[in-house]
Protein backbone atom coordinates (compact mmCIF):
# COMPACT_ATOMS: atom_id res chain seq x y z
CA MET A 1 7.09 -8.73 47.16
CA LEU A 2 3.56 -7.48 46.61
CA ILE A 3 1.65 -8.26 43.44
CA VAL A 4 -1.12 -5.75 42.82
CA VAL A 5 -3.54 -5.68 39.91
CA HIS A 6 -4.81 -2.18 39.28
CA ASN A 7 -8.34 -1.96 38.01
CA PRO A 8 -10.52 0.79 39.52
CA LYS A 9 -13.65 -1.27 38.81
CA LEU A 10 -12.60 -4.05 41.18
CA LEU A 11 -14.42 -4.18 44.50
CA ASN A 12 -11.31 -5.32 46.37
CA ARG A 13 -8.38 -3.29 45.05
CA GLY A 14 -5.84 -4.73 47.46
CA PRO A 15 -4.23 -3.29 50.57
CA LYS A 16 -3.96 0.39 51.27
CA PRO A 17 -0.33 1.58 51.33
CA ALA A 18 -0.31 1.86 55.14
CA ILE A 19 -0.92 -1.88 55.60
CA ILE A 20 1.46 -3.29 53.00
CA ARG A 21 3.36 -6.22 54.46
CA GLN A 22 6.87 -5.22 55.56
CA THR A 23 8.34 -8.73 55.38
CA PRO A 24 8.28 -10.95 52.31
CA LEU A 25 5.62 -13.60 51.99
CA LYS A 26 7.38 -16.93 51.51
CA VAL A 27 5.53 -19.56 49.50
CA LEU A 28 6.35 -23.19 48.67
CA HIS A 29 4.51 -24.98 45.87
CA TRP A 30 4.94 -28.72 45.36
CA ASN A 31 3.24 -31.35 43.22
CA PRO A 32 4.03 -34.60 45.07
CA ASP A 33 1.43 -36.87 43.37
CA TYR A 34 0.03 -37.97 46.78
CA ILE A 35 1.14 -36.20 49.92
CA LEU A 36 0.90 -39.30 52.15
CA ALA A 37 2.88 -41.68 49.91
CA HIS A 38 5.66 -43.76 51.44
CA ASN A 39 4.29 -43.60 54.99
CA GLY A 40 4.06 -39.80 54.98
CA ILE A 41 7.73 -39.08 54.27
CA ARG A 42 6.69 -36.15 52.09
CA ILE A 43 5.17 -34.41 55.11
CA ARG A 44 8.56 -34.78 56.84
CA CYS A 45 10.28 -33.28 53.75
CA ILE A 46 7.98 -30.25 53.91
CA GLU A 47 8.76 -29.85 57.62
CA ALA A 48 12.50 -29.95 56.88
CA LEU A 49 12.22 -27.35 54.12
CA ASN A 50 10.11 -25.16 56.39
CA LEU A 51 12.78 -25.26 59.13
CA ILE A 52 15.19 -23.68 56.67
CA HIS A 53 12.94 -21.26 54.76
CA LYS A 54 10.17 -20.37 57.26
CA TYR A 55 7.28 -20.42 54.76
CA ASN A 56 4.01 -18.53 55.23
CA LEU A 57 2.06 -20.57 52.67
CA ILE A 58 2.61 -24.11 51.42
CA ALA A 59 0.59 -25.07 48.35
CA ILE A 60 0.26 -28.74 47.41
CA THR A 61 -1.25 -29.77 44.09
CA GLU A 62 -2.01 -33.43 43.38
CA SER A 63 -2.49 -33.95 47.12
CA ALA A 64 -4.70 -36.98 46.30
CA LEU A 65 -6.55 -36.72 49.62
CA HIS A 66 -10.09 -37.94 50.20
CA LYS A 67 -12.58 -36.91 52.87
CA SER A 68 -11.66 -40.06 54.81
CA THR A 69 -8.17 -38.61 55.50
CA SER A 70 -8.20 -36.61 58.72
CA ASP A 71 -6.40 -33.31 59.23
CA ASP A 72 -4.36 -35.05 61.95
CA ASP A 73 -2.76 -37.27 59.26
CA ILE A 74 -1.44 -34.21 57.37
CA GLN A 75 -0.69 -31.89 60.29
CA LEU A 76 2.17 -29.40 60.09
CA ASP A 77 3.08 -27.58 63.30
CA GLY A 78 2.20 -23.89 63.12
CA PHE A 79 0.01 -24.30 60.02
CA LEU A 80 -3.67 -24.80 59.29
CA PRO A 81 -4.89 -26.71 56.22
CA LEU A 82 -7.42 -25.72 53.56
CA ARG A 83 -8.40 -28.70 51.46
CA ALA A 84 -10.10 -29.42 48.16
CA ASP A 85 -10.29 -33.22 48.33
CA LEU A 86 -10.92 -35.74 45.56
CA PRO A 87 -14.25 -37.42 44.92
CA ASP A 88 -14.29 -41.01 46.20
CA ASP A 89 -13.83 -42.52 42.72
CA ALA A 90 -10.82 -40.35 41.74
CA THR A 91 -7.13 -41.11 42.28
CA HIS A 92 -5.38 -37.99 40.91
CA GLY A 93 -5.84 -34.33 41.75
CA GLY A 94 -6.77 -32.42 44.85
CA VAL A 95 -5.36 -29.26 46.38
CA LEU A 96 -4.05 -28.60 49.86
CA LEU A 97 -3.03 -25.19 51.13
CA TYR A 98 -1.25 -24.84 54.45
CA TYR A 99 -1.22 -21.35 55.89
CA ARG A 100 0.61 -20.08 58.93
CA ASP A 101 -1.75 -19.92 61.92
CA ASN A 102 -1.00 -16.22 62.43
CA LEU A 103 -2.21 -15.23 58.93
CA ALA A 104 -5.73 -13.93 58.37
CA VAL A 105 -7.11 -16.37 55.81
CA ARG A 106 -10.70 -16.82 54.74
CA LYS A 107 -11.96 -19.73 52.67
CA ARG A 108 -14.24 -18.45 49.95
CA PRO A 109 -17.15 -20.53 48.64
CA GLN A 110 -16.47 -22.45 45.44
């Protein structure tokens, strides 16, 4: 499935027809209210779901991660993380996006 917004004034109008992805992009979104709760069992749940569905992107809202959490603690084989961590005084929020290591992804400045 490809979602395209058509607006000729946009600088980036999306892919040219020759480079449209031939396989579907599979996405998981989950709001776990802290990804590392219960000794990280939620990471194991994501791994199990990924074995079945072979996701390209995994989006986690309410990740509740802080800068003190290393990427090693949230590692998923075959994926790279993009993080928007919480400030030190916050306990709810945060976003984590895992993307398959063979996808061309660029983090844009906030």
